[in-house]
Each structure stands twice: as C-alpha cells, then as structure tokens.
Amino acid sequence: MIQAYSGELAALLVAVFWTITALAFETATRKIGSMAVNMIRLLFAFVFLSLFSLFFRHMFLPFDATAKAWLWLSLSGLVGFVFGDYFLFASYRLISSRISMLIMTLVPIVTAFLGWLILDELMTVQHMIGMILIVFGISLAIFNRSESKKIEFKYPVKGLLFAFFGVLGQSGGLILSKIGMGDYSPFASTQIRIIAAVIGFGLLILLTGRAKVVFGAFRQRNAMFAVTTGSIFGPFLGVSFSLIAIQRTTTGIASTLMAIVPILILPPAAIIYRQKIGWYDIIGASISVGGVVLFFL
C-alpha cells in the first residue's frame, strides 16, 4: 500500500519540509538578504548531497549521469533555483513567507499546463475548476476592500509579482527536471541542479558586486542557523523528495500535494512571527488548497 503511493507520500513530506524551510529562510532573508541566503543554502545543500552520494552511491559527484541529464537538469537548476528562488526569497521580505507560499499554490496550475503542453499529461475540466478555486482563494487573502469600497491589494504589488516569478521558476524547474531525470537518482539529479545554480548565483554575485555581503553573512550566527535549517529541509530533503515524487507520480499530482504548505504554515506564522491571521486568510488558504486537491481526485 505504502509502496503504491510512495510518490504521493514523498510529496506530502515535501510540504512539511518546505513549511519549515519557508519560515527559516524568511528569518534569514530579513537579516542577510535573498542573494546571500540563496548562495549559502545552495553551498550547504551541495555538501549535504555530496556526502550522501558518497555514502550511498559511492561517488562524490554524479559522474554516471548522461549528457542529456546534465543538460536538462542544469537548465532546471538555473530556472528553478536561480530565477525562481531568487524572486521567491526576495518576496519574503515584502509580503512574508506565508503569503508567498499561498501564491505558490499557483504552481499546480502552471505545472499542469506545462505538463500538458510539453509532456502530454492529461488536463481535465476538473483541473480547470481547481484552477478557478485556487485563484479565488488567493484573491480572498491578498485583496482588501478599502473605506471607499475600492478593491485594493493588502500587500505590495512588487512582492506579489516576485512571488509569481517564483511560481514560474518552480513550475519550469519541475518540468525540466522530469525531462532530464528519467529513472536516474533523484538525489544525484538534485546535485546537478545545485551545481548549475551555484555557478549561476556565483556569476550574479560577481556581476552585482555583492561578494562582501555574502561573505559577511557567515558572521551572523542567528542567520546562519536559520540558513542551515532551511538548507537541510529545503534543497537537500525537500527538493530531493520532490524529485522522488515527480518520478513516481505525475507532476500535477506531486505539485498538488506539495501545495498544502499555505495551510501548514498558518499556525507557526502566527506563533513565531506573531502575524495577524484573519478569517479571510484562513478561508482563502483553505479554498486555494481545496482547488489544488481537485488536481489529485
């Protein structure tokens, strides 16, 4: 029974891991910035994955990967980690990880559409209804009626836009991963993605002159603890288990179960960050996740 739903169970674990990661990286990003957090967590994750690979696969680097795997998984790393996660982390400072994770429920919509367009995966009327519910749920949480009865954003448009770029990056990264991975090791696949992302962020840091900021971040203990925690549960466990999920089930189903983070993150956001959570937030998150579930039924 468990084996039959191993992909779905892996996706549920990803949701838990990403909840922890989002909270940890929000803390770190507020202290040292998104560029430093991205680069440091990728370096940490590379070390974790390399040691794991050495112990379980008896090779420090994925030397057994094909040229096709290197190409597509590297592209996946650039799209998912460099483009997607840079903007996602930047949105944490503007709208909080809770709202960013709610907007990330759009990932199944974009992923399912790309899966249908590129991989010939099925899209049904039920999926369309789910999409409508997701968008409606997000709208409840991010829009507000002002005293003049006008509908306005509760949060900065820039932050919302950055989170949406994160959606595009994650969805594109998942599709490219599925193309490049095949039946290859999910952990080695993640290692390739991270190698490409480290190179990508390294170039960005050099071009933008932020090397001192990144190196200076290592001196901030609280931020480094948060980055370490996020690195273990994010690019190491979270991303690797997400690849296990899409390897053993469809990208739409995997994305569906991964997308329950907006529900899981509500209690810790209220307790740890003392964020004010209203009924519209709870109802909106529930409706949005309910729409995601329709992709799975």
C-alpha atoms as a PDB file:
ATOM      1  CA  MET A   1       0.000   0.000   0.000  1.00  0.00           C
ATOM      2  CA  ILE A   2       2.747   2.428   1.017  1.00  0.00           C
ATOM      3  CA  GLN A   3       4.844   1.425  -1.991  1.00  0.00           C
ATOM      4  CA  ALA A   4       1.900   2.041  -4.320  1.00  0.00           C
ATOM      5  CA  TYR A   5       1.601   5.640  -3.089  1.00  0.00           C
ATOM      6  CA  SER A   6       5.305   6.317  -2.480  1.00  0.00           C
ATOM      7  CA  GLY A   7       5.229   9.312  -4.839  1.00  0.00           C
ATOM      8  CA  GLU A   8       2.256  10.849  -3.049  1.00  0.00           C
ATOM      9  CA  LEU A   9       3.793  10.245   0.397  1.00  0.00           C
ATOM     10  CA  ALA A  10       7.052  11.832  -0.773  1.00  0.00           C
ATOM     11  CA  ALA A  11       5.078  14.888  -1.936  1.00  0.00           C
ATOM     12  CA  LEU A  12       3.373  15.207   1.472  1.00  0.00           C
ATOM     13  CA  LEU A  13       6.757  15.103   3.195  1.00  0.00           C
ATOM     14  CA  VAL A  14       7.916  17.838   0.821  1.00  0.00           C
ATOM     15  CA  ALA A  15       5.042  20.036   2.051  1.00  0.00           C
ATOM     16  CA  VAL A  16       6.223  19.627   5.654  1.00  0.00           C
ATOM     17  CA  PHE A  17       9.850  20.226   4.706  1.00  0.00           C
ATOM     18  CA  TRP A  18       9.003  23.339   2.710  1.00  0.00           C
ATOM     19  CA  THR A  19       6.950  24.776   5.566  1.00  0.00           C
ATOM     20  CA  ILE A  20       9.997  24.568   7.819  1.00  0.00           C
ATOM     21  CA  THR A  21      12.201  25.910   5.034  1.00  0.00           C
ATOM     22  CA  ALA A  22       9.969  28.902   4.261  1.00  0.00           C
ATOM     23  CA  LEU A  23       9.945  30.006   7.902  1.00  0.00           C
ATOM     24  CA  ALA A  24      13.704  29.510   8.306  1.00  0.00           C
ATOM     25  CA  PHE A  25      14.586  31.363   5.113  1.00  0.00           C
ATOM     26  CA  GLU A  26      12.212  34.232   5.899  1.00  0.00           C
ATOM     27  CA  THR A  27      14.139  34.748   9.128  1.00  0.00           C
ATOM     28  CA  ALA A  28      17.488  34.559   7.342  1.00  0.00           C
ATOM     29  CA  THR A  29      16.446  36.759   4.407  1.00  0.00           C
ATOM     30  CA  ARG A  30      15.345  39.561   6.737  1.00  0.00           C
ATOM     31  CA  LYS A  31      18.817  39.506   8.304  1.00  0.00           C
ATOM     32  CA  ILE A  32      21.238  38.990   5.391  1.00  0.00           C
ATOM     33  CA  GLY A  33      19.248  39.390   2.146  1.00  0.00           C
ATOM     34  CA  SER A  34      17.991  36.974  -0.508  1.00  0.00           C
ATOM     35  CA  MET A  35      21.208  36.771  -2.565  1.00  0.00           C
ATOM     36  CA  ALA A  36      23.321  35.682   0.407  1.00  0.00           C
ATOM     37  CA  VAL A  37      20.668  33.221   1.625  1.00  0.00           C
ATOM     38  CA  ASN A  38      20.355  31.640  -1.808  1.00  0.00           C
ATOM     39  CA  MET A  39      24.083  31.175  -2.336  1.00  0.00           C
ATOM     40  CA  ILE A  40      24.870  29.913   1.165  1.00  0.00           C
ATOM     41  CA  ARG A  41      21.973  27.455   1.329  1.00  0.00           C
ATOM     42  CA  LEU A  42      22.976  26.020  -2.070  1.00  0.00           C
ATOM     43  CA  LEU A  43      26.578  25.559  -0.901  1.00  0.00           C
ATOM     44  CA  PHE A  44      25.346  23.819   2.253  1.00  0.00           C
ATOM     45  CA  ALA A  45      22.967  21.642   0.258  1.00  0.00           C
ATOM     46  CA  PHE A  46      25.757  20.696  -2.143  1.00  0.00           C
ATOM     47  CA  VAL A  47      27.888  19.478   0.767  1.00  0.00           C
ATOM     48  CA  PHE A  48      24.961  17.502   2.257  1.00  0.00           C
ATOM     49  CA  LEU A  49      24.116  15.897  -1.085  1.00  0.00           C
ATOM     50  CA  SER A  50      27.750  15.123  -1.936  1.00  0.00           C
ATOM     51  CA  LEU A  51      28.296  13.346   1.386  1.00  0.00           C
ATOM     52  CA  PHE A  52      25.014  11.479   0.947  1.00  0.00           C
ATOM     53  CA  SER A  53      26.037  10.456  -2.581  1.00  0.00           C
ATOM     54  CA  LEU A  54      29.478   9.345  -1.411  1.00  0.00           C
ATOM     55  CA  PHE A  55      27.969   7.193   1.324  1.00  0.00           C
ATOM     56  CA  PHE A  56      25.054   5.644  -0.584  1.00  0.00           C
ATOM     57  CA  ARG A  57      26.166   5.836  -4.221  1.00  0.00           C
ATOM     58  CA  HIS A  58      29.946   5.589  -3.642  1.00  0.00           C
ATOM     59  CA  MET A  59      30.710   8.664  -5.736  1.00  0.00           C
ATOM     60  CA  PHE A  60      31.121  12.260  -4.583  1.00  0.00           C
ATOM     61  CA  LEU A  61      29.779  13.767  -7.810  1.00  0.00           C
ATOM     62  CA  PRO A  62      27.198  12.440 -10.339  1.00  0.00           C
ATOM     63  CA  PHE A  63      29.790  11.081 -12.782  1.00  0.00           C
ATOM     64  CA  ASP A  64      27.337   8.452 -14.027  1.00  0.00           C
ATOM     65  CA  ALA A  65      24.803  10.977 -15.348  1.00  0.00           C
ATOM     66  CA  THR A  66      24.273  11.149 -19.098  1.00  0.00           C
ATOM     67  CA  ALA A  67      24.922  14.259 -21.164  1.00  0.00           C
ATOM     68  CA  LYS A  68      21.152  14.653 -21.586  1.00  0.00           C
ATOM     69  CA  ALA A  69      20.640  14.550 -17.811  1.00  0.00           C
ATOM     70  CA  TRP A  70      23.365  17.158 -17.252  1.00  0.00           C
ATOM     71  CA  LEU A  71      21.865  19.464 -19.874  1.00  0.00           C
ATOM     72  CA  TRP A  72      18.218  19.382 -18.775  1.00  0.00           C
ATOM     73  CA  LEU A  73      18.888  19.189 -15.036  1.00  0.00           C
ATOM     74  CA  SER A  74      21.330  22.106 -15.277  1.00  0.00           C
ATOM     75  CA  LEU A  75      18.678  24.142 -17.069  1.00  0.00           C
ATOM     76  CA  SER A  76      16.240  23.081 -14.353  1.00  0.00           C
ATOM     77  CA  GLY A  77      18.642  24.344 -11.682  1.00  0.00           C
ATOM     78  CA  LEU A  78      19.021  27.707 -13.400  1.00  0.00           C
ATOM     79  CA  VAL A  79      15.273  28.129 -13.909  1.00  0.00           C
ATOM     80  CA  GLY A  80      14.120  26.716 -10.565  1.00  0.00           C
ATOM     81  CA  PHE A  81      16.854  27.829  -8.161  1.00  0.00           C
ATOM     82  CA  VAL A  82      18.452  30.905  -9.710  1.00  0.00           C
ATOM     83  CA  PHE A  83      15.422  32.556 -11.317  1.00  0.00           C
ATOM     84  CA  GLY A  84      12.551  31.134  -9.244  1.00  0.00           C
ATOM     85  CA  ASP A  85      14.060  31.042  -5.774  1.00  0.00           C
ATOM     86  CA  TYR A  86      15.805  34.402  -6.066  1.00  0.00           C
ATOM     87  CA  PHE A  87      12.461  36.121  -6.606  1.00  0.00           C
ATOM     88  CA  LEU A  88      10.630  33.891  -4.118  1.00  0.00           C
ATOM     89  CA  PHE A  89      13.091  34.696  -1.319  1.00  0.00           C
ATOM     90  CA  ALA A  90      13.039  38.373  -2.231  1.00  0.00           C
ATOM     91  CA  SER A  91       9.236  38.289  -1.824  1.00  0.00           C
ATOM     92  CA  TYR A  92       9.593  37.048   1.782  1.00  0.00           C
ATOM     93  CA  ARG A  93      10.859  40.454   2.904  1.00  0.00           C
ATOM     94  CA  LEU A  94       8.000  42.240   1.183  1.00  0.00           C
ATOM     95  CA  ILE A  95       4.922  40.079   1.822  1.00  0.00           C
ATOM     96  CA  SER A  96       6.102  37.328   4.277  1.00  0.00           C
ATOM     97  CA  SER A  97       6.667  33.638   3.594  1.00  0.00           C
ATOM     98  CA  ARG A  98       3.027  32.891   4.482  1.00  0.00           C
ATOM     99  CA  ILE A  99       1.606  34.958   1.610  1.00  0.00           C
ATOM    100  CA  SER A 100       4.394  33.875  -0.731  1.00  0.00           C
ATOM    101  CA  MET A 101       3.560  30.229  -0.038  1.00  0.00           C
ATOM    102  CA  LEU A 102      -0.112  30.947  -0.689  1.00  0.00           C
ATOM    103  CA  ILE A 103       0.733  32.398  -4.098  1.00  0.00           C
ATOM    104  CA  MET A 104       2.853  29.301  -4.716  1.00  0.00           C
ATOM    105  CA  THR A 105      -0.393  27.303  -4.843  1.00  0.00           C
ATOM    106  CA  LEU A 106      -0.454  28.569  -8.425  1.00  0.00           C
ATOM    107  CA  VAL A 107       2.361  26.095  -9.126  1.00  0.00           C
ATOM    108  CA  PRO A 108      -0.044  23.192  -9.930  1.00  0.00           C
ATOM    109  CA  ILE A 109      -1.850  25.388 -12.461  1.00  0.00           C
ATOM    110  CA  VAL A 110       1.332  26.367 -14.258  1.00  0.00           C
ATOM    111  CA  THR A 111       2.908  22.904 -13.861  1.00  0.00           C
ATOM    112  CA  ALA A 112      -0.178  21.081 -15.100  1.00  0.00           C
ATOM    113  CA  PHE A 113      -0.403  23.422 -18.075  1.00  0.00           C
ATOM    114  CA  LEU A 114       3.272  22.934 -18.928  1.00  0.00           C
ATOM    115  CA  GLY A 115       2.923  19.180 -18.350  1.00  0.00           C
ATOM    116  CA  TRP A 116       0.021  19.114 -20.806  1.00  0.00           C
ATOM    117  CA  LEU A 117       1.835  21.319 -23.303  1.00  0.00           C
ATOM    118  CA  ILE A 118       5.252  19.654 -23.164  1.00  0.00           C
ATOM    119  CA  LEU A 119       4.802  16.161 -21.676  1.00  0.00           C
ATOM    120  CA  ASP A 120       1.287  15.366 -22.995  1.00  0.00           C
ATOM    121  CA  GLU A 121      -0.039  14.900 -19.457  1.00  0.00           C
ATOM    122  CA  LEU A 122      -3.818  14.982 -19.025  1.00  0.00           C
ATOM    123  CA  MET A 123      -5.731  18.167 -18.177  1.00  0.00           C
ATOM    124  CA  THR A 124      -9.456  17.828 -17.444  1.00  0.00           C
ATOM    125  CA  VAL A 125     -12.454  20.041 -16.687  1.00  0.00           C
ATOM    126  CA  GLN A 126     -11.901  19.161 -13.037  1.00  0.00           C
ATOM    127  CA  HIS A 127      -8.437  20.696 -13.289  1.00  0.00           C
ATOM    128  CA  MET A 128     -10.000  23.868 -14.684  1.00  0.00           C
ATOM    129  CA  ILE A 129     -12.389  24.077 -11.709  1.00  0.00           C
ATOM    130  CA  GLY A 130      -9.433  23.576  -9.386  1.00  0.00           C
ATOM    131  CA  MET A 131      -7.628  26.450 -11.072  1.00  0.00           C
ATOM    132  CA  ILE A 132     -10.594  28.764 -10.511  1.00  0.00           C
ATOM    133  CA  LEU A 133     -10.753  27.818  -6.820  1.00  0.00           C
ATOM    134  CA  ILE A 134      -7.020  28.391  -6.368  1.00  0.00           C
ATOM    135  CA  VAL A 135      -7.163  31.850  -7.915  1.00  0.00           C
ATOM    136  CA  PHE A 136     -10.298  32.715  -5.887  1.00  0.00           C
ATOM    137  CA  GLY A 137      -8.703  31.552  -2.640  1.00  0.00           C
ATOM    138  CA  ILE A 138      -5.566  33.595  -3.267  1.00  0.00           C
ATOM    139  CA  SER A 139      -7.699  36.627  -4.131  1.00  0.00           C
ATOM    140  CA  LEU A 140      -9.535  36.414  -0.793  1.00  0.00           C
ATOM    141  CA  ALA A 141      -6.244  36.559   1.060  1.00  0.00           C
ATOM    142  CA  ILE A 142      -4.415  39.265  -0.900  1.00  0.00           C
ATOM    143  CA  PHE A 143      -7.214  41.714  -1.752  1.00  0.00           C
ATOM    144  CA  ASN A 144      -8.873  44.133   0.634  1.00  0.00           C
ATOM    145  CA  ARG A 145     -11.911  46.444   0.350  1.00  0.00           C
ATOM    146  CA  SER A 146     -10.956  49.981   1.358  1.00  0.00           C
ATOM    147  CA  GLU A 147     -13.178  52.532   3.090  1.00  0.00           C
ATOM    148  CA  SER A 148     -14.013  53.966  -0.348  1.00  0.00           C
ATOM    149  CA  LYS A 149     -15.294  50.495  -1.348  1.00  0.00           C
ATOM    150  CA  LYS A 150     -12.467  50.028  -3.810  1.00  0.00           C
ATOM    151  CA  ILE A 151     -10.747  46.649  -4.115  1.00  0.00           C
ATOM    152  CA  GLU A 152      -7.067  47.072  -3.267  1.00  0.00           C
ATOM    153  CA  PHE A 153      -4.060  44.864  -2.650  1.00  0.00           C
ATOM    154  CA  LYS A 154      -3.284  44.208   1.021  1.00  0.00           C
ATOM    155  CA  TYR A 155       0.376  43.686   0.159  1.00  0.00           C
ATOM    156  CA  PRO A 156       2.967  45.437  -2.068  1.00  0.00           C
ATOM    157  CA  VAL A 157       2.449  44.608  -5.742  1.00  0.00           C
ATOM    158  CA  LYS A 158       6.209  44.187  -6.144  1.00  0.00           C
ATOM    159  CA  GLY A 159       6.230  41.413  -3.533  1.00  0.00           C
ATOM    160  CA  LEU A 160       3.251  39.659  -5.123  1.00  0.00           C
ATOM    161  CA  LEU A 161       4.907  39.866  -8.540  1.00  0.00           C
ATOM    162  CA  PHE A 162       8.157  38.459  -7.162  1.00  0.00           C
ATOM    163  CA  ALA A 163       6.251  35.528  -5.652  1.00  0.00           C
ATOM    164  CA  PHE A 164       4.603  34.878  -9.028  1.00  0.00           C
ATOM    165  CA  PHE A 165       8.043  34.782 -10.661  1.00  0.00           C
ATOM    166  CA  GLY A 166       8.847  32.147  -8.047  1.00  0.00           C
ATOM    167  CA  VAL A 167       5.834  30.168  -9.294  1.00  0.00           C
ATOM    168  CA  LEU A 168       7.120  30.313 -12.870  1.00  0.00           C
ATOM    169  CA  GLY A 169      10.576  29.215 -11.764  1.00  0.00           C
ATOM    170  CA  GLN A 170       9.387  26.262  -9.701  1.00  0.00           C
ATOM    171  CA  SER A 171       6.972  25.019 -12.367  1.00  0.00           C
ATOM    172  CA  GLY A 172       9.537  25.329 -15.129  1.00  0.00           C
ATOM    173  CA  GLY A 173      12.142  23.652 -12.943  1.00  0.00           C
ATOM    174  CA  LEU A 174       9.866  20.668 -12.262  1.00  0.00           C
ATOM    175  CA  ILE A 175       9.111  20.102 -15.929  1.00  0.00           C
ATOM    176  CA  LEU A 176      12.764  20.389 -16.952  1.00  0.00           C
ATOM    177  CA  SER A 177      13.697  18.008 -14.108  1.00  0.00           C
ATOM    178  CA  LYS A 178      11.230  15.396 -15.291  1.00  0.00           C
ATOM    179  CA  ILE A 179      12.615  15.614 -18.827  1.00  0.00           C
ATOM    180  CA  GLY A 180      16.213  15.285 -17.690  1.00  0.00           C
ATOM    181  CA  MET A 181      15.887  12.850 -14.796  1.00  0.00           C
ATOM    182  CA  GLY A 182      14.036   9.853 -16.267  1.00  0.00           C
ATOM    183  CA  ASP A 183      14.840   6.945 -13.942  1.00  0.00           C
ATOM    184  CA  TYR A 184      18.112   8.485 -12.712  1.00  0.00           C
ATOM    185  CA  SER A 185      18.761   9.044  -8.979  1.00  0.00           C
ATOM    186  CA  PRO A 186      16.674  11.943  -7.599  1.00  0.00           C
ATOM    187  CA  PHE A 187      19.439  12.874  -5.156  1.00  0.00           C
ATOM    188  CA  ALA A 188      22.128  12.926  -7.871  1.00  0.00           C
ATOM    189  CA  SER A 189      19.705  14.877 -10.069  1.00  0.00           C
ATOM    190  CA  THR A 190      19.319  17.485  -7.324  1.00  0.00           C
ATOM    191  CA  GLN A 191      23.102  17.630  -7.042  1.00  0.00           C
ATOM    192  CA  ILE A 192      23.386  18.512 -10.741  1.00  0.00           C
ATOM    193  CA  ARG A 193      20.696  21.189 -10.373  1.00  0.00           C
ATOM    194  CA  ILE A 194      22.539  22.697  -7.408  1.00  0.00           C
ATOM    195  CA  ILE A 195      25.908  22.700  -9.198  1.00  0.00           C
ATOM    196  CA  ALA A 196      24.331  24.691 -12.044  1.00  0.00           C
ATOM    197  CA  ALA A 197      22.612  27.026  -9.576  1.00  0.00           C
ATOM    198  CA  VAL A 198      25.831  27.695  -7.622  1.00  0.00           C
ATOM    199  CA  ILE A 199      27.554  28.668 -10.861  1.00  0.00           C
ATOM    200  CA  GLY A 200      24.583  30.850 -11.816  1.00  0.00           C
ATOM    201  CA  PHE A 201      24.412  32.648  -8.474  1.00  0.00           C
ATOM    202  CA  GLY A 202      28.197  32.939  -8.375  1.00  0.00           C
ATOM    203  CA  LEU A 203      28.126  34.873 -11.636  1.00  0.00           C
ATOM    204  CA  LEU A 204      25.282  37.074 -10.370  1.00  0.00           C
ATOM    205  CA  ILE A 205      27.153  37.872  -7.164  1.00  0.00           C
ATOM    206  CA  LEU A 206      30.303  38.808  -9.080  1.00  0.00           C
ATOM    207  CA  LEU A 207      28.397  40.926 -11.602  1.00  0.00           C
ATOM    208  CA  THR A 208      26.446  42.776  -8.903  1.00  0.00           C
ATOM    209  CA  GLY A 209      29.432  43.231  -6.584  1.00  0.00           C
ATOM    210  CA  ARG A 210      27.791  41.535  -3.589  1.00  0.00           C
ATOM    211  CA  ALA A 211      30.625  39.173  -2.660  1.00  0.00           C
ATOM    212  CA  LYS A 212      31.374  41.100   0.576  1.00  0.00           C
ATOM    213  CA  VAL A 213      27.730  40.846   1.644  1.00  0.00           C
ATOM    214  CA  VAL A 214      27.718  37.087   1.115  1.00  0.00           C
ATOM    215  CA  PHE A 215      30.996  36.504   2.984  1.00  0.00           C
ATOM    216  CA  GLY A 216      29.902  38.848   5.774  1.00  0.00           C
ATOM    217  CA  ALA A 217      26.747  36.789   6.315  1.00  0.00           C
ATOM    218  CA  PHE A 218      28.808  33.931   7.781  1.00  0.00           C
ATOM    219  CA  ARG A 219      29.496  36.071  10.859  1.00  0.00           C
ATOM    220  CA  GLN A 220      25.820  36.323  11.800  1.00  0.00           C
ATOM    221  CA  ARG A 221      25.102  33.262  13.927  1.00  0.00           C
ATOM    222  CA  ASN A 222      21.312  33.514  14.083  1.00  0.00           C
ATOM    223  CA  ALA A 223      21.064  33.954  10.335  1.00  0.00           C
ATOM    224  CA  MET A 224      23.452  31.056   9.712  1.00  0.00           C
ATOM    225  CA  PHE A 225      21.432  28.761  11.989  1.00  0.00           C
ATOM    226  CA  ALA A 226      18.295  29.638  10.028  1.00  0.00           C
ATOM    227  CA  VAL A 227      20.088  29.100   6.693  1.00  0.00           C
ATOM    228  CA  THR A 228      21.444  25.734   7.857  1.00  0.00           C
ATOM    229  CA  THR A 229      17.988  24.589   8.966  1.00  0.00           C
ATOM    230  CA  GLY A 230      16.438  25.764   5.719  1.00  0.00           C
ATOM    231  CA  SER A 231      19.205  24.110   3.689  1.00  0.00           C
ATOM    232  CA  ILE A 232      18.631  20.719   5.277  1.00  0.00           C
ATOM    233  CA  PHE A 233      14.858  20.787   4.814  1.00  0.00           C
ATOM    234  CA  GLY A 234      14.865  22.720   1.528  1.00  0.00           C
ATOM    235  CA  PRO A 235      17.377  22.000  -1.259  1.00  0.00           C
ATOM    236  CA  PHE A 236      18.563  18.764   0.403  1.00  0.00           C
ATOM    237  CA  LEU A 237      15.492  16.890   1.687  1.00  0.00           C
ATOM    238  CA  GLY A 238      12.700  18.983   0.158  1.00  0.00           C
ATOM    239  CA  VAL A 239      13.949  19.208  -3.410  1.00  0.00           C
ATOM    240  CA  SER A 240      15.221  15.625  -3.474  1.00  0.00           C
ATOM    241  CA  PHE A 241      11.902  14.271  -2.213  1.00  0.00           C
ATOM    242  CA  SER A 242      10.086  16.458  -4.750  1.00  0.00           C
ATOM    243  CA  LEU A 243      12.047  14.706  -7.485  1.00  0.00           C
ATOM    244  CA  ILE A 244      11.155  11.332  -5.958  1.00  0.00           C
ATOM    245  CA  ALA A 245       7.528  12.460  -6.064  1.00  0.00           C
ATOM    246  CA  ILE A 246       7.522  13.519  -9.730  1.00  0.00           C
ATOM    247  CA  GLN A 247       9.473  10.382 -10.642  1.00  0.00           C
ATOM    248  CA  ARG A 248       6.848   8.087  -9.086  1.00  0.00           C
ATOM    249  CA  THR A 249       3.679  10.029  -9.907  1.00  0.00           C
ATOM    250  CA  THR A 250       2.598  12.750 -12.338  1.00  0.00           C
ATOM    251  CA  THR A 251       3.898  16.288 -11.976  1.00  0.00           C
ATOM    252  CA  GLY A 252       0.328  17.540 -11.415  1.00  0.00           C
ATOM    253  CA  ILE A 253      -0.364  15.167  -8.504  1.00  0.00           C
ATOM    254  CA  ALA A 254       3.032  15.820  -6.949  1.00  0.00           C
ATOM    255  CA  SER A 255       2.580  19.592  -7.169  1.00  0.00           C
ATOM    256  CA  THR A 256      -0.911  19.249  -5.700  1.00  0.00           C
ATOM    257  CA  LEU A 257       0.257  17.591  -2.505  1.00  0.00           C
ATOM    258  CA  MET A 258       3.292  19.834  -2.183  1.00  0.00           C
ATOM    259  CA  ALA A 259       0.977  22.843  -2.324  1.00  0.00           C
ATOM    260  CA  ILE A 260      -0.651  22.355   1.118  1.00  0.00           C
ATOM    261  CA  VAL A 261       2.112  24.493   2.638  1.00  0.00           C
ATOM    262  CA  PRO A 262      -0.218  27.559   2.963  1.00  0.00           C
ATOM    263  CA  ILE A 263      -2.336  25.586   5.448  1.00  0.00           C
ATOM    264  CA  LEU A 264       0.609  24.096   7.329  1.00  0.00           C
ATOM    265  CA  ILE A 265       2.337  27.476   7.666  1.00  0.00           C
ATOM    266  CA  LEU A 266      -0.563  29.353   9.320  1.00  0.00           C
ATOM    267  CA  PRO A 267      -0.027  28.194  12.959  1.00  0.00           C
ATOM    268  CA  PRO A 268       3.771  28.735  13.068  1.00  0.00           C
ATOM    269  CA  ALA A 269       3.452  32.099  11.272  1.00  0.00           C
ATOM    270  CA  ALA A 270       1.015  33.267  13.950  1.00  0.00           C
ATOM    271  CA  ILE A 271       3.070  31.871  16.841  1.00  0.00           C
ATOM    272  CA  ILE A 272       6.644  32.574  15.716  1.00  0.00           C
ATOM    273  CA  TYR A 273       6.202  35.843  13.795  1.00  0.00           C
ATOM    274  CA  ARG A 274       3.014  36.986  15.548  1.00  0.00           C
ATOM    275  CA  GLN A 275       1.392  37.647  12.182  1.00  0.00           C
ATOM    276  CA  LYS A 276      -2.235  38.670  12.346  1.00  0.00           C
ATOM    277  CA  ILE A 277      -4.245  35.981  10.571  1.00  0.00           C
ATOM    278  CA  GLY A 278      -7.875  36.785   9.820  1.00  0.00           C
ATOM    279  CA  TRP A 279     -10.752  34.598   8.698  1.00  0.00           C
ATOM    280  CA  TYR A 280     -10.241  35.662   5.075  1.00  0.00           C
ATOM    281  CA  ASP A 281      -6.677  34.374   5.282  1.00  0.00           C
ATOM    282  CA  ILE A 282      -7.789  31.010   6.652  1.00  0.00           C
ATOM    283  CA  ILE A 283     -10.737  30.673   4.265  1.00  0.00           C
ATOM    284  CA  GLY A 284      -8.660  31.843   1.298  1.00  0.00           C
ATOM    285  CA  ALA A 285      -5.847  29.385   2.041  1.00  0.00           C
ATOM    286  CA  SER A 286      -8.342  26.545   2.549  1.00  0.00           C
ATOM    287  CA  ILE A 287     -10.180  27.279  -0.711  1.00  0.00           C
ATOM    288  CA  SER A 288      -6.901  27.560  -2.588  1.00  0.00           C
ATOM    289  CA  VAL A 289      -5.620  24.256  -1.232  1.00  0.00           C
ATOM    290  CA  GLY A 290      -9.052  22.736  -1.917  1.00  0.00           C
ATOM    291  CA  GLY A 291      -8.641  23.780  -5.535  1.00  0.00           C
ATOM    292  CA  VAL A 292      -5.242  22.119  -5.588  1.00  0.00           C
ATOM    293  CA  VAL A 293      -6.775  18.895  -4.257  1.00  0.00           C
ATOM    294  CA  LEU A 294      -9.036  18.739  -7.311  1.00  0.00           C
ATOM    295  CA  PHE A 295      -5.928  18.084  -9.362  1.00  0.00           C
ATOM    296  CA  PHE A 296      -5.469  14.872  -7.360  1.00  0.00           C
ATOM    297  CA  LEU A 297      -9.020  13.477  -7.167  1.00  0.00           C
END
